[in-house]
Amino acid sequence: MSDFAKELIASMEEALEHAKGGKTGIRVLTVRPVDVKKARKALNMTQSDFATLVGTSVSGLQKWEQGTRQPHGAARTLIRLIERAPEAVREALEDQDEKVSA
């Protein structure tokens, strides 16, 4: 039997043991969904403005708000920040607006 076949069998046995609730070296990461609508409302922004802020289309944002899709990457990180510290994000956005106006 090849090394690949042995590794495959060992992996499948480990997966089966994990599925049965046994002790394995498998780490399970759970990704909590973000509440996009709540984050947008925390900044008191329109869908259009918020979509621009996070780098997506309005239709994409609506899918996030309806829960049919979830944001990824930098957009997800920004929304997480808004969930945790909306005032800090609002201040940062205001500071940036002031720099652009100057």
C-alpha atoms as a PDB file:
ATOM      1  CA  MET A   1       0.000   0.000   0.000  1.00  0.00           C
ATOM      2  CA  SER A   2       1.329   3.480  -0.893  1.00  0.00           C
ATOM      3  CA  ASP A   3       2.117   6.147   1.691  1.00  0.00           C
ATOM      4  CA  PHE A   4      -0.706   8.245   0.261  1.00  0.00           C
ATOM      5  CA  ALA A   5      -3.212   5.435   0.777  1.00  0.00           C
ATOM      6  CA  LYS A   6      -2.005   4.906   4.361  1.00  0.00           C
ATOM      7  CA  GLU A   7      -2.352   8.646   5.122  1.00  0.00           C
ATOM      8  CA  LEU A   8      -5.809   8.704   3.556  1.00  0.00           C
ATOM      9  CA  ILE A   9      -6.989   5.749   5.639  1.00  0.00           C
ATOM     10  CA  ALA A  10      -5.528   7.302   8.819  1.00  0.00           C
ATOM     11  CA  SER A  11      -7.268  10.596   8.050  1.00  0.00           C
ATOM     12  CA  MET A  12     -10.593   8.886   7.487  1.00  0.00           C
ATOM     13  CA  GLU A  13     -10.233   6.926  10.740  1.00  0.00           C
ATOM     14  CA  GLU A  14      -9.484  10.179  12.593  1.00  0.00           C
ATOM     15  CA  ALA A  15     -12.524  11.869  11.002  1.00  0.00           C
ATOM     16  CA  LEU A  16     -14.724   8.933  12.025  1.00  0.00           C
ATOM     17  CA  GLU A  17     -13.411   9.059  15.588  1.00  0.00           C
ATOM     18  CA  HIS A  18     -14.102  12.808  15.694  1.00  0.00           C
ATOM     19  CA  ALA A  19     -17.639  12.293  14.349  1.00  0.00           C
ATOM     20  CA  LYS A  20     -18.262   9.784  17.151  1.00  0.00           C
ATOM     21  CA  GLY A  21     -17.126  12.366  19.703  1.00  0.00           C
ATOM     22  CA  GLY A  22     -13.817  10.694  20.471  1.00  0.00           C
ATOM     23  CA  LYS A  23     -10.551  12.426  21.342  1.00  0.00           C
ATOM     24  CA  THR A  24      -8.605  13.509  18.276  1.00  0.00           C
ATOM     25  CA  GLY A  25      -6.199  16.278  17.335  1.00  0.00           C
ATOM     26  CA  ILE A  26      -8.876  17.958  15.220  1.00  0.00           C
ATOM     27  CA  ARG A  27      -9.595  21.631  15.938  1.00  0.00           C
ATOM     28  CA  VAL A  28     -13.046  22.913  15.086  1.00  0.00           C
ATOM     29  CA  LEU A  29     -13.466  26.620  14.408  1.00  0.00           C
ATOM     30  CA  THR A  30     -16.944  28.089  14.487  1.00  0.00           C
ATOM     31  CA  VAL A  31     -17.519  31.264  12.503  1.00  0.00           C
ATOM     32  CA  ARG A  32     -20.199  33.442  14.058  1.00  0.00           C
ATOM     33  CA  PRO A  33     -22.278  35.341  11.512  1.00  0.00           C
ATOM     34  CA  VAL A  34     -22.118  39.129  11.592  1.00  0.00           C
ATOM     35  CA  ASP A  35     -25.244  41.275  11.922  1.00  0.00           C
ATOM     36  CA  VAL A  36     -24.742  43.557   8.946  1.00  0.00           C
ATOM     37  CA  LYS A  37     -27.997  45.461   9.293  1.00  0.00           C
ATOM     38  CA  LYS A  38     -27.358  46.187  12.967  1.00  0.00           C
ATOM     39  CA  ALA A  39     -23.849  47.432  12.141  1.00  0.00           C
ATOM     40  CA  ARG A  40     -25.164  49.690   9.365  1.00  0.00           C
ATOM     41  CA  LYS A  41     -27.825  51.132  11.640  1.00  0.00           C
ATOM     42  CA  ALA A  42     -25.229  51.699  14.391  1.00  0.00           C
ATOM     43  CA  LEU A  43     -23.498  54.087  11.987  1.00  0.00           C
ATOM     44  CA  ASN A  44     -26.835  55.548  10.861  1.00  0.00           C
ATOM     45  CA  MET A  45     -25.951  54.950   7.203  1.00  0.00           C
ATOM     46  CA  THR A  46     -28.061  54.245   4.140  1.00  0.00           C
ATOM     47  CA  GLN A  47     -27.599  50.932   2.361  1.00  0.00           C
ATOM     48  CA  SER A  48     -25.912  52.764  -0.496  1.00  0.00           C
ATOM     49  CA  ASP A  49     -23.405  54.554   1.747  1.00  0.00           C
ATOM     50  CA  PHE A  50     -22.678  51.447   3.820  1.00  0.00           C
ATOM     51  CA  ALA A  51     -22.195  49.340   0.673  1.00  0.00           C
ATOM     52  CA  THR A  52     -19.617  51.860  -0.532  1.00  0.00           C
ATOM     53  CA  LEU A  53     -17.888  51.819   2.873  1.00  0.00           C
ATOM     54  CA  VAL A  54     -17.482  48.029   2.927  1.00  0.00           C
ATOM     55  CA  GLY A  55     -16.753  47.696  -0.781  1.00  0.00           C
ATOM     56  CA  THR A  56     -19.787  45.862  -2.106  1.00  0.00           C
ATOM     57  CA  SER A  57     -22.840  46.566  -4.216  1.00  0.00           C
ATOM     58  CA  VAL A  58     -26.199  47.507  -2.709  1.00  0.00           C
ATOM     59  CA  SER A  59     -27.635  44.173  -3.870  1.00  0.00           C
ATOM     60  CA  GLY A  60     -24.719  42.361  -2.207  1.00  0.00           C
ATOM     61  CA  LEU A  61     -25.322  44.296   0.998  1.00  0.00           C
ATOM     62  CA  GLN A  62     -29.021  43.409   0.888  1.00  0.00           C
ATOM     63  CA  LYS A  63     -28.134  39.712   0.628  1.00  0.00           C
ATOM     64  CA  TRP A  64     -25.907  40.088   3.684  1.00  0.00           C
ATOM     65  CA  GLU A  65     -28.687  41.847   5.593  1.00  0.00           C
ATOM     66  CA  GLN A  66     -31.214  39.161   4.607  1.00  0.00           C
ATOM     67  CA  GLY A  67     -28.816  36.449   5.743  1.00  0.00           C
ATOM     68  CA  THR A  68     -28.613  34.677   2.394  1.00  0.00           C
ATOM     69  CA  ARG A  69     -24.888  35.499   2.196  1.00  0.00           C
ATOM     70  CA  GLN A  70     -22.169  36.533   4.632  1.00  0.00           C
ATOM     71  CA  PRO A  71     -19.351  39.025   4.078  1.00  0.00           C
ATOM     72  CA  HIS A  72     -15.737  37.844   3.936  1.00  0.00           C
ATOM     73  CA  GLY A  73     -12.287  39.319   4.292  1.00  0.00           C
ATOM     74  CA  ALA A  74     -11.821  43.000   5.052  1.00  0.00           C
ATOM     75  CA  ALA A  75     -15.564  43.734   4.870  1.00  0.00           C
ATOM     76  CA  ARG A  76     -16.256  41.134   7.573  1.00  0.00           C
ATOM     77  CA  THR A  77     -13.471  42.540   9.742  1.00  0.00           C
ATOM     78  CA  LEU A  78     -14.785  46.101   9.397  1.00  0.00           C
ATOM     79  CA  ILE A  79     -18.321  44.994  10.256  1.00  0.00           C
ATOM     80  CA  ARG A  80     -16.991  43.147  13.330  1.00  0.00           C
ATOM     81  CA  LEU A  81     -15.254  46.369  14.401  1.00  0.00           C
ATOM     82  CA  ILE A  82     -18.481  48.306  13.911  1.00  0.00           C
ATOM     83  CA  GLU A  83     -20.350  45.721  16.029  1.00  0.00           C
ATOM     84  CA  ARG A  84     -17.845  46.062  18.865  1.00  0.00           C
ATOM     85  CA  ALA A  85     -16.990  49.767  18.717  1.00  0.00           C
ATOM     86  CA  PRO A  86     -19.361  51.754  16.496  1.00  0.00           C
ATOM     87  CA  GLU A  87     -18.356  55.079  18.073  1.00  0.00           C
ATOM     88  CA  ALA A  88     -14.659  54.494  17.351  1.00  0.00           C
ATOM     89  CA  VAL A  89     -15.393  53.636  13.723  1.00  0.00           C
ATOM     90  CA  ARG A  90     -17.679  56.658  13.388  1.00  0.00           C
ATOM     91  CA  GLU A  91     -14.906  58.900  14.767  1.00  0.00           C
ATOM     92  CA  ALA A  92     -12.359  57.379  12.394  1.00  0.00           C
ATOM     93  CA  LEU A  93     -14.676  57.984   9.439  1.00  0.00           C
ATOM     94  CA  GLU A  94     -15.276  61.580  10.526  1.00  0.00           C
ATOM     95  CA  ASP A  95     -11.513  62.162  10.861  1.00  0.00           C
ATOM     96  CA  GLN A  96     -11.018  60.844   7.340  1.00  0.00           C
ATOM     97  CA  ASP A  97     -13.800  63.097   5.979  1.00  0.00           C
ATOM     98  CA  GLU A  98     -12.132  66.119   7.597  1.00  0.00           C
ATOM     99  CA  LYS A  99      -8.777  65.273   5.969  1.00  0.00           C
ATOM    100  CA  VAL A 100     -10.386  64.915   2.543  1.00  0.00           C
ATOM    101  CA  SER A 101     -12.181  68.261   2.929  1.00  0.00           C
ATOM    102  CA  ALA A 102      -9.028  70.121   3.983  1.00  0.00           C
END
